[in-house]
């Protein structure tokens, strides 16, 4: 997709909405993203085992923005040219 073989998922990820209530686990927010399934899920959905060998990102809420830690993202993409704040990608 878009000629970027290794980062095709990044375009899908950036279009996702996080922190919605999980339909399967009331009281839990969808703050995980499975790269391999292109799925937004809560921690309980991820822990159920369907994503055991998948690449999963933890999404955090910081001053009303959804963010990912640089340490997590740098295992999947080159973050050397991305401006960060306290090791968080905004």
PDB file of N, CA and C in Angstrom:
ATOM      1  N   UNK A   1       0.843  -1.174   0.000  1.00  0.00           N
ATOM      2  CA  UNK A   1       0.000   0.000   0.000  1.00  0.00           C
ATOM      3  C   UNK A   1       0.889   1.237   0.000  1.00  0.00           C
ATOM      4  N   UNK A   2       0.626   2.160  -0.856  1.00  0.00           N
ATOM      5  CA  UNK A   2       1.351   3.423  -0.959  1.00  0.00           C
ATOM      6  C   UNK A   2       2.839   3.232  -1.225  1.00  0.00           C
ATOM      7  N   UNK A   3       3.266   2.070  -1.660  1.00  0.00           N
ATOM      8  CA  UNK A   3       4.659   1.835  -1.977  1.00  0.00           C
ATOM      9  C   UNK A   3       5.573   1.685  -0.776  1.00  0.00           C
ATOM     10  N   UNK A   4       5.035   1.582   0.413  1.00  0.00           N
ATOM     11  CA  UNK A   4       5.834   1.443   1.631  1.00  0.00           C
ATOM     12  C   UNK A   4       5.571   0.066   2.216  1.00  0.00           C
ATOM     13  N   UNK A   5       6.274  -0.942   1.717  1.00  0.00           N
ATOM     14  CA  UNK A   5       6.000  -2.324   2.094  1.00  0.00           C
ATOM     15  C   UNK A   5       6.007  -2.571   3.600  1.00  0.00           C
ATOM     16  N   UNK A   6       6.941  -1.983   4.318  1.00  0.00           N
ATOM     17  CA  UNK A   6       7.061  -2.273   5.735  1.00  0.00           C
ATOM     18  C   UNK A   6       6.163  -1.458   6.640  1.00  0.00           C
ATOM     19  N   UNK A   7       5.624  -0.356   6.137  1.00  0.00           N
ATOM     20  CA  UNK A   7       4.824   0.522   7.008  1.00  0.00           C
ATOM     21  C   UNK A   7       3.408   0.736   6.477  1.00  0.00           C
ATOM     22  N   UNK A   8       2.885  -0.187   5.723  1.00  0.00           N
ATOM     23  CA  UNK A   8       1.526  -0.073   5.200  1.00  0.00           C
ATOM     24  C   UNK A   8       0.518   0.146   6.317  1.00  0.00           C
ATOM     25  N   UNK A   9       0.764  -0.481   7.458  1.00  0.00           N
ATOM     26  CA  UNK A   9      -0.159  -0.417   8.588  1.00  0.00           C
ATOM     27  C   UNK A   9      -0.210   0.968   9.217  1.00  0.00           C
ATOM     28  N   UNK A  10       0.844   1.763   9.042  1.00  0.00           N
ATOM     29  CA  UNK A  10       0.907   3.072   9.679  1.00  0.00           C
ATOM     30  C   UNK A  10      -0.223   3.982   9.194  1.00  0.00           C
ATOM     31  N   UNK A  11      -0.552   3.911   7.928  1.00  0.00           N
ATOM     32  CA  UNK A  11      -1.632   4.727   7.380  1.00  0.00           C
ATOM     33  C   UNK A  11      -2.984   4.300   7.961  1.00  0.00           C
ATOM     34  N   UNK A  12      -3.173   3.022   8.146  1.00  0.00           N
ATOM     35  CA  UNK A  12      -4.407   2.521   8.764  1.00  0.00           C
ATOM     36  C   UNK A  12      -4.471   2.932  10.238  1.00  0.00           C
ATOM     37  N   UNK A  13      -3.344   2.788  10.939  1.00  0.00           N
ATOM     38  CA  UNK A  13      -3.243   3.144  12.355  1.00  0.00           C
ATOM     39  C   UNK A  13      -3.608   4.606  12.590  1.00  0.00           C
ATOM     40  N   UNK A  14      -3.081   5.497  11.756  1.00  0.00           N
ATOM     41  CA  UNK A  14      -3.319   6.931  11.941  1.00  0.00           C
ATOM     42  C   UNK A  14      -4.782   7.316  11.728  1.00  0.00           C
ATOM     43  N   UNK A  15      -5.539   6.492  11.036  1.00  0.00           N
ATOM     44  CA  UNK A  15      -6.947   6.770  10.813  1.00  0.00           C
ATOM     45  C   UNK A  15      -7.869   6.189  11.871  1.00  0.00           C
ATOM     46  N   UNK A  16      -7.322   5.494  12.852  1.00  0.00           N
ATOM     47  CA  UNK A  16      -8.131   4.832  13.880  1.00  0.00           C
ATOM     48  C   UNK A  16      -8.526   5.783  15.004  1.00  0.00           C
ATOM     49  N   UNK A  17      -9.626   5.436  15.673  1.00  0.00           N
ATOM     50  CA  UNK A  17     -10.090   6.161  16.852  1.00  0.00           C
ATOM     51  C   UNK A  17      -9.910   5.243  18.060  1.00  0.00           C
ATOM     52  N   UNK A  18      -9.331   5.782  19.109  1.00  0.00           N
ATOM     53  CA  UNK A  18      -9.049   5.007  20.313  1.00  0.00           C
ATOM     54  C   UNK A  18      -9.866   5.525  21.495  1.00  0.00           C
ATOM     55  N   UNK A  19      -9.852   4.765  22.554  1.00  0.00           N
ATOM     56  CA  UNK A  19     -10.494   5.091  23.832  1.00  0.00           C
ATOM     57  C   UNK A  19     -12.017   5.085  23.769  1.00  0.00           C
ATOM     58  N   UNK A  20     -12.561   4.334  22.830  1.00  0.00           N
ATOM     59  CA  UNK A  20     -13.997   4.077  22.847  1.00  0.00           C
ATOM     60  C   UNK A  20     -14.238   2.902  23.788  1.00  0.00           C
ATOM     61  N   UNK A  21     -15.457   2.780  24.308  1.00  0.00           N
ATOM     62  CA  UNK A  21     -15.781   1.671  25.207  1.00  0.00           C
ATOM     63  C   UNK A  21     -15.763   0.355  24.427  1.00  0.00           C
ATOM     64  N   UNK A  22     -15.236  -0.683  25.065  1.00  0.00           N
ATOM     65  CA  UNK A  22     -15.203  -2.009  24.456  1.00  0.00           C
ATOM     66  C   UNK A  22     -16.582  -2.656  24.571  1.00  0.00           C
ATOM     67  N   UNK A  23     -17.099  -3.167  23.457  1.00  0.00           N
ATOM     68  CA  UNK A  23     -18.419  -3.825  23.458  1.00  0.00           C
ATOM     69  C   UNK A  23     -18.388  -5.145  24.216  1.00  0.00           C
ATOM     70  N   UNK A  24     -17.254  -5.838  24.168  1.00  0.00           N
ATOM     71  CA  UNK A  24     -17.152  -7.164  24.779  1.00  0.00           C
ATOM     72  C   UNK A  24     -16.761  -7.112  26.246  1.00  0.00           C
ATOM     73  N   UNK A  25     -16.103  -6.043  26.674  1.00  0.00           N
ATOM     74  CA  UNK A  25     -15.629  -5.925  28.057  1.00  0.00           C
ATOM     75  C   UNK A  25     -16.035  -4.562  28.615  1.00  0.00           C
ATOM     76  N   UNK A  26     -17.269  -4.441  29.105  1.00  0.00           N
ATOM     77  CA  UNK A  26     -17.761  -3.162  29.640  1.00  0.00           C
ATOM     78  C   UNK A  26     -16.824  -2.587  30.702  1.00  0.00           C
ATOM     79  N   UNK A  27     -16.664  -1.292  30.654  1.00  0.00           N
ATOM     80  CA  UNK A  27     -15.790  -0.611  31.608  1.00  0.00           C
ATOM     81  C   UNK A  27     -14.350  -0.516  31.144  1.00  0.00           C
ATOM     82  N   UNK A  28     -14.049  -1.070  29.977  1.00  0.00           N
ATOM     83  CA  UNK A  28     -12.687  -1.018  29.442  1.00  0.00           C
ATOM     84  C   UNK A  28     -12.668  -0.215  28.145  1.00  0.00           C
ATOM     85  N   UNK A  29     -11.615   0.575  27.997  1.00  0.00           N
ATOM     86  CA  UNK A  29     -11.448   1.370  26.784  1.00  0.00           C
ATOM     87  C   UNK A  29     -10.575   0.647  25.774  1.00  0.00           C
ATOM     88  N   UNK A  30     -10.821   0.913  24.519  1.00  0.00           N
ATOM     89  CA  UNK A  30     -10.010   0.351  23.440  1.00  0.00           C
ATOM     90  C   UNK A  30      -8.751   1.204  23.279  1.00  0.00           C
ATOM     91  N   UNK A  31      -7.703   0.791  23.956  1.00  0.00           N
ATOM     92  CA  UNK A  31      -6.453   1.545  23.929  1.00  0.00           C
ATOM     93  C   UNK A  31      -5.268   0.680  23.492  1.00  0.00           C
ATOM     94  N   UNK A  32      -5.544  -0.299  22.660  1.00  0.00           N
ATOM     95  CA  UNK A  32      -4.507  -1.142  22.060  1.00  0.00           C
ATOM     96  C   UNK A  32      -4.767  -1.200  20.563  1.00  0.00           C
ATOM     97  N   UNK A  33      -3.693  -1.335  19.788  1.00  0.00           N
ATOM     98  CA  UNK A  33      -3.822  -1.477  18.341  1.00  0.00           C
ATOM     99  C   UNK A  33      -2.999  -2.674  17.902  1.00  0.00           C
ATOM    100  N   UNK A  34      -3.643  -3.641  17.275  1.00  0.00           N
ATOM    101  CA  UNK A  34      -2.959  -4.803  16.727  1.00  0.00           C
ATOM    102  C   UNK A  34      -2.581  -4.483  15.284  1.00  0.00           C
ATOM    103  N   UNK A  35      -1.300  -4.363  15.041  1.00  0.00           N
ATOM    104  CA  UNK A  35      -0.803  -4.047  13.704  1.00  0.00           C
ATOM    105  C   UNK A  35      -1.186  -5.151  12.720  1.00  0.00           C
ATOM    106  N   UNK A  36      -1.036  -6.393  13.138  1.00  0.00           N
ATOM    107  CA  UNK A  36      -1.256  -7.520  12.229  1.00  0.00           C
ATOM    108  C   UNK A  36      -2.718  -7.690  11.831  1.00  0.00           C
ATOM    109  N   UNK A  37      -3.643  -7.334  12.706  1.00  0.00           N
ATOM    110  CA  UNK A  37      -5.078  -7.475  12.415  1.00  0.00           C
ATOM    111  C   UNK A  37      -5.726  -6.156  12.010  1.00  0.00           C
ATOM    112  N   UNK A  38      -4.992  -5.050  12.142  1.00  0.00           N
ATOM    113  CA  UNK A  38      -5.552  -3.718  11.947  1.00  0.00           C
ATOM    114  C   UNK A  38      -6.813  -3.575  12.793  1.00  0.00           C
ATOM    115  N   UNK A  39      -6.655  -3.857  14.095  1.00  0.00           N
ATOM    116  CA  UNK A  39      -7.784  -3.868  15.023  1.00  0.00           C
ATOM    117  C   UNK A  39      -7.491  -3.013  16.244  1.00  0.00           C
ATOM    118  N   UNK A  40      -8.490  -2.253  16.657  1.00  0.00           N
ATOM    119  CA  UNK A  40      -8.448  -1.524  17.919  1.00  0.00           C
ATOM    120  C   UNK A  40      -9.149  -2.399  18.948  1.00  0.00           C
ATOM    121  N   UNK A  41      -8.530  -2.563  20.122  1.00  0.00           N
ATOM    122  CA  UNK A  41      -9.091  -3.460  21.138  1.00  0.00           C
ATOM    123  C   UNK A  41      -8.736  -2.969  22.534  1.00  0.00           C
ATOM    124  N   UNK A  42      -9.410  -3.549  23.518  1.00  0.00           N
ATOM    125  CA  UNK A  42      -9.076  -3.269  24.914  1.00  0.00           C
ATOM    126  C   UNK A  42      -8.005  -4.277  25.360  1.00  0.00           C
ATOM    127  N   UNK A  43      -7.386  -4.063  26.509  1.00  0.00           N
ATOM    128  CA  UNK A  43      -6.361  -4.999  26.992  1.00  0.00           C
ATOM    129  C   UNK A  43      -6.886  -6.428  27.163  1.00  0.00           C
ATOM    130  N   UNK A  44      -8.159  -6.581  27.559  1.00  0.00           N
ATOM    131  CA  UNK A  44      -8.723  -7.920  27.752  1.00  0.00           C
ATOM    132  C   UNK A  44      -8.900  -8.649  26.425  1.00  0.00           C
ATOM    133  N   UNK A  45      -9.307  -7.922  25.391  1.00  0.00           N
ATOM    134  CA  UNK A  45      -9.432  -8.532  24.057  1.00  0.00           C
ATOM    135  C   UNK A  45      -8.065  -9.021  23.575  1.00  0.00           C
ATOM    136  N   UNK A  46      -7.033  -8.225  23.793  1.00  0.00           N
ATOM    137  CA  UNK A  46      -5.681  -8.604  23.373  1.00  0.00           C
ATOM    138  C   UNK A  46      -5.201  -9.818  24.162  1.00  0.00           C
ATOM    139  N   UNK A  47      -5.492  -9.842  25.451  1.00  0.00           N
ATOM    140  CA  UNK A  47      -5.023 -10.929  26.326  1.00  0.00           C
ATOM    141  C   UNK A  47      -5.731 -12.254  26.087  1.00  0.00           C
ATOM    142  N   UNK A  48      -6.860 -12.244  25.399  1.00  0.00           N
ATOM    143  CA  UNK A  48      -7.606 -13.482  25.184  1.00  0.00           C
ATOM    144  C   UNK A  48      -6.878 -14.479  24.299  1.00  0.00           C
ATOM    145  N   UNK A  49      -5.780 -14.084  23.687  1.00  0.00           N
ATOM    146  CA  UNK A  49      -4.956 -15.044  22.966  1.00  0.00           C
ATOM    147  C   UNK A  49      -4.960 -14.951  21.462  1.00  0.00           C
ATOM    148  N   UNK A  50      -5.921 -14.271  20.869  1.00  0.00           N
ATOM    149  CA  UNK A  50      -5.961 -14.158  19.413  1.00  0.00           C
ATOM    150  C   UNK A  50      -4.804 -13.328  18.863  1.00  0.00           C
ATOM    151  N   UNK A  51      -4.176 -12.562  19.716  1.00  0.00           N
ATOM    152  CA  UNK A  51      -3.109 -11.658  19.287  1.00  0.00           C
ATOM    153  C   UNK A  51      -1.765 -12.017  19.929  1.00  0.00           C
ATOM    154  N   UNK A  52      -1.621 -13.211  20.411  1.00  0.00           N
ATOM    155  CA  UNK A  52      -0.440 -13.622  21.174  1.00  0.00           C
ATOM    156  C   UNK A  52       0.871 -13.381  20.428  1.00  0.00           C
ATOM    157  N   UNK A  53       0.916 -13.673  19.157  1.00  0.00           N
ATOM    158  CA  UNK A  53       2.164 -13.500  18.403  1.00  0.00           C
ATOM    159  C   UNK A  53       2.129 -12.270  17.503  1.00  0.00           C
ATOM    160  N   UNK A  54       1.164 -11.388  17.732  1.00  0.00           N
ATOM    161  CA  UNK A  54       1.008 -10.200  16.898  1.00  0.00           C
ATOM    162  C   UNK A  54       1.753  -9.000  17.477  1.00  0.00           C
ATOM    163  N   UNK A  55       1.942  -8.013  16.619  1.00  0.00           N
ATOM    164  CA  UNK A  55       2.556  -6.749  17.037  1.00  0.00           C
ATOM    165  C   UNK A  55       1.446  -5.837  17.557  1.00  0.00           C
ATOM    166  N   UNK A  56       1.509  -5.500  18.846  1.00  0.00           N
ATOM    167  CA  UNK A  56       0.459  -4.703  19.486  1.00  0.00           C
ATOM    168  C   UNK A  56       1.074  -3.441  20.079  1.00  0.00           C
ATOM    169  N   UNK A  57       0.427  -2.309  19.838  1.00  0.00           N
ATOM    170  CA  UNK A  57       0.851  -1.029  20.401  1.00  0.00           C
ATOM    171  C   UNK A  57      -0.083  -0.626  21.537  1.00  0.00           C
ATOM    172  N   UNK A  58       0.470  -0.054  22.587  1.00  0.00           N
ATOM    173  CA  UNK A  58      -0.315   0.532  23.671  1.00  0.00           C
ATOM    174  C   UNK A  58      -0.502   2.012  23.354  1.00  0.00           C
ATOM    175  N   UNK A  59      -1.722   2.473  23.410  1.00  0.00           N
ATOM    176  CA  UNK A  59      -2.040   3.864  23.131  1.00  0.00           C
ATOM    177  C   UNK A  59      -2.339   4.545  24.463  1.00  0.00           C
ATOM    178  N   UNK A  60      -1.809   5.732  24.638  1.00  0.00           N
ATOM    179  CA  UNK A  60      -2.004   6.484  25.873  1.00  0.00           C
ATOM    180  C   UNK A  60      -2.733   7.784  25.558  1.00  0.00           C
ATOM    181  N   UNK A  61      -3.402   8.334  26.541  1.00  0.00           N
ATOM    182  CA  UNK A  61      -4.070   9.625  26.400  1.00  0.00           C
ATOM    183  C   UNK A  61      -3.236  10.637  27.183  1.00  0.00           C
ATOM    184  N   UNK A  62      -2.799  11.685  26.485  1.00  0.00           N
ATOM    185  CA  UNK A  62      -1.973  12.722  27.097  1.00  0.00           C
ATOM    186  C   UNK A  62      -2.527  14.073  26.668  1.00  0.00           C
ATOM    187  N   UNK A  63      -3.044  14.820  27.603  1.00  0.00           N
ATOM    188  CA  UNK A  63      -3.624  16.138  27.352  1.00  0.00           C
ATOM    189  C   UNK A  63      -4.581  16.078  26.154  1.00  0.00           C
ATOM    190  N   UNK A  64      -5.525  15.163  26.231  1.00  0.00           N
ATOM    191  CA  UNK A  64      -6.592  14.998  25.243  1.00  0.00           C
ATOM    192  C   UNK A  64      -6.105  14.541  23.862  1.00  0.00           C
ATOM    193  N   UNK A  65      -4.891  14.006  23.796  1.00  0.00           N
ATOM    194  CA  UNK A  65      -4.371  13.472  22.531  1.00  0.00           C
ATOM    195  C   UNK A  65      -4.002  12.015  22.733  1.00  0.00           C
ATOM    196  N   UNK A  66      -4.167  11.220  21.690  1.00  0.00           N
ATOM    197  CA  UNK A  66      -3.744   9.827  21.720  1.00  0.00           C
ATOM    198  C   UNK A  66      -2.284   9.770  21.301  1.00  0.00           C
ATOM    199  N   UNK A  67      -1.471   9.105  22.108  1.00  0.00           N
ATOM    200  CA  UNK A  67      -0.026   9.067  21.866  1.00  0.00           C
ATOM    201  C   UNK A  67       0.500   7.640  22.013  1.00  0.00           C
ATOM    202  N   UNK A  68       1.686   7.426  21.459  1.00  0.00           N
ATOM    203  CA  UNK A  68       2.383   6.145  21.533  1.00  0.00           C
ATOM    204  C   UNK A  68       3.819   6.442  21.958  1.00  0.00           C
ATOM    205  N   UNK A  69       4.397   5.577  22.765  1.00  0.00           N
ATOM    206  CA  UNK A  69       5.775   5.820  23.187  1.00  0.00           C
ATOM    207  C   UNK A  69       6.734   5.592  22.025  1.00  0.00           C
ATOM    208  N   UNK A  70       7.777   6.375  22.004  1.00  0.00           N
ATOM    209  CA  UNK A  70       8.800   6.244  20.968  1.00  0.00           C
ATOM    210  C   UNK A  70       9.448   4.867  21.036  1.00  0.00           C
ATOM    211  N   UNK A  71       9.651   4.365  22.228  1.00  0.00           N
ATOM    212  CA  UNK A  71      10.280   3.050  22.372  1.00  0.00           C
ATOM    213  C   UNK A  71       9.456   1.965  21.678  1.00  0.00           C
ATOM    214  N   UNK A  72       8.138   2.031  21.783  1.00  0.00           N
ATOM    215  CA  UNK A  72       7.282   1.057  21.092  1.00  0.00           C
ATOM    216  C   UNK A  72       7.340   1.233  19.581  1.00  0.00           C
ATOM    217  N   UNK A  73       7.182   2.469  19.120  1.00  0.00           N
ATOM    218  CA  UNK A  73       7.142   2.727  17.684  1.00  0.00           C
ATOM    219  C   UNK A  73       8.476   2.444  17.014  1.00  0.00           C
ATOM    220  N   UNK A  74       9.573   2.697  17.717  1.00  0.00           N
ATOM    221  CA  UNK A  74      10.891   2.524  17.099  1.00  0.00           C
ATOM    222  C   UNK A  74      11.216   1.067  16.798  1.00  0.00           C
ATOM    223  N   UNK A  75      10.474   0.137  17.371  1.00  0.00           N
ATOM    224  CA  UNK A  75      10.688  -1.266  17.011  1.00  0.00           C
ATOM    225  C   UNK A  75      10.015  -1.605  15.683  1.00  0.00           C
ATOM    226  N   UNK A  76       9.164  -0.714  15.187  1.00  0.00           N
ATOM    227  CA  UNK A  76       8.421  -0.961  13.958  1.00  0.00           C
ATOM    228  C   UNK A  76       8.768   0.001  12.826  1.00  0.00           C
ATOM    229  N   UNK A  77       9.161   1.237  13.177  1.00  0.00           N
ATOM    230  CA  UNK A  77       9.514   2.229  12.162  1.00  0.00           C
ATOM    231  C   UNK A  77      10.730   3.026  12.629  1.00  0.00           C
ATOM    232  N   UNK A  78      11.378   3.730  11.709  1.00  0.00           N
ATOM    233  CA  UNK A  78      12.498   4.609  12.032  1.00  0.00           C
ATOM    234  C   UNK A  78      11.938   5.909  12.597  1.00  0.00           C
ATOM    235  N   UNK A  79      12.194   6.171  13.867  1.00  0.00           N
ATOM    236  CA  UNK A  79      11.661   7.362  14.535  1.00  0.00           C
ATOM    237  C   UNK A  79      12.708   8.468  14.680  1.00  0.00           C
ATOM    238  N   UNK A  80      13.841   8.314  14.046  1.00  0.00           N
ATOM    239  CA  UNK A  80      14.937   9.254  14.251  1.00  0.00           C
ATOM    240  C   UNK A  80      14.618  10.670  13.779  1.00  0.00           C
ATOM    241  N   UNK A  81      13.677  10.842  12.866  1.00  0.00           N
ATOM    242  CA  UNK A  81      13.344  12.175  12.356  1.00  0.00           C
ATOM    243  C   UNK A  81      11.991  12.670  12.872  1.00  0.00           C
ATOM    244  N   UNK A  82      11.462  12.015  13.878  1.00  0.00           N
ATOM    245  CA  UNK A  82      10.177  12.405  14.450  1.00  0.00           C
ATOM    246  C   UNK A  82      10.410  13.194  15.726  1.00  0.00           C
ATOM    247  N   UNK A  83       9.768  14.348  15.825  1.00  0.00           N
ATOM    248  CA  UNK A  83       9.896  15.164  17.026  1.00  0.00           C
ATOM    249  C   UNK A  83       9.102  14.518  18.150  1.00  0.00           C
ATOM    250  N   UNK A  84       9.729  14.385  19.302  1.00  0.00           N
ATOM    251  CA  UNK A  84       9.078  13.741  20.433  1.00  0.00           C
ATOM    252  C   UNK A  84       9.050  14.669  21.636  1.00  0.00           C
ATOM    253  N   UNK A  85       8.152  14.359  22.546  1.00  0.00           N
ATOM    254  CA  UNK A  85       8.042  15.093  23.796  1.00  0.00           C
ATOM    255  C   UNK A  85       8.063  14.055  24.919  1.00  0.00           C
ATOM    256  N   UNK A  86       9.114  14.055  25.731  1.00  0.00           N
ATOM    257  CA  UNK A  86       9.239  13.101  26.825  1.00  0.00           C
ATOM    258  C   UNK A  86       9.128  11.651  26.341  1.00  0.00           C
ATOM    259  N   UNK A  87       9.783  11.338  25.229  1.00  0.00           N
ATOM    260  CA  UNK A  87       9.825  10.000  24.648  1.00  0.00           C
ATOM    261  C   UNK A  87       8.452   9.502  24.191  1.00  0.00           C
ATOM    262  N   UNK A  88       7.540  10.446  23.887  1.00  0.00           N
ATOM    263  CA  UNK A  88       6.196  10.124  23.422  1.00  0.00           C
ATOM    264  C   UNK A  88       6.010  10.746  22.042  1.00  0.00           C
ATOM    265  N   UNK A  89       5.440  10.002  21.107  1.00  0.00           N
ATOM    266  CA  UNK A  89       5.086  10.548  19.796  1.00  0.00           C
ATOM    267  C   UNK A  89       3.685  11.118  19.922  1.00  0.00           C
ATOM    268  N   UNK A  90       3.549  12.372  19.558  1.00  0.00           N
ATOM    269  CA  UNK A  90       2.245  13.032  19.645  1.00  0.00           C
ATOM    270  C   UNK A  90       1.636  13.120  18.257  1.00  0.00           C
TER     271      UNK A  90
END
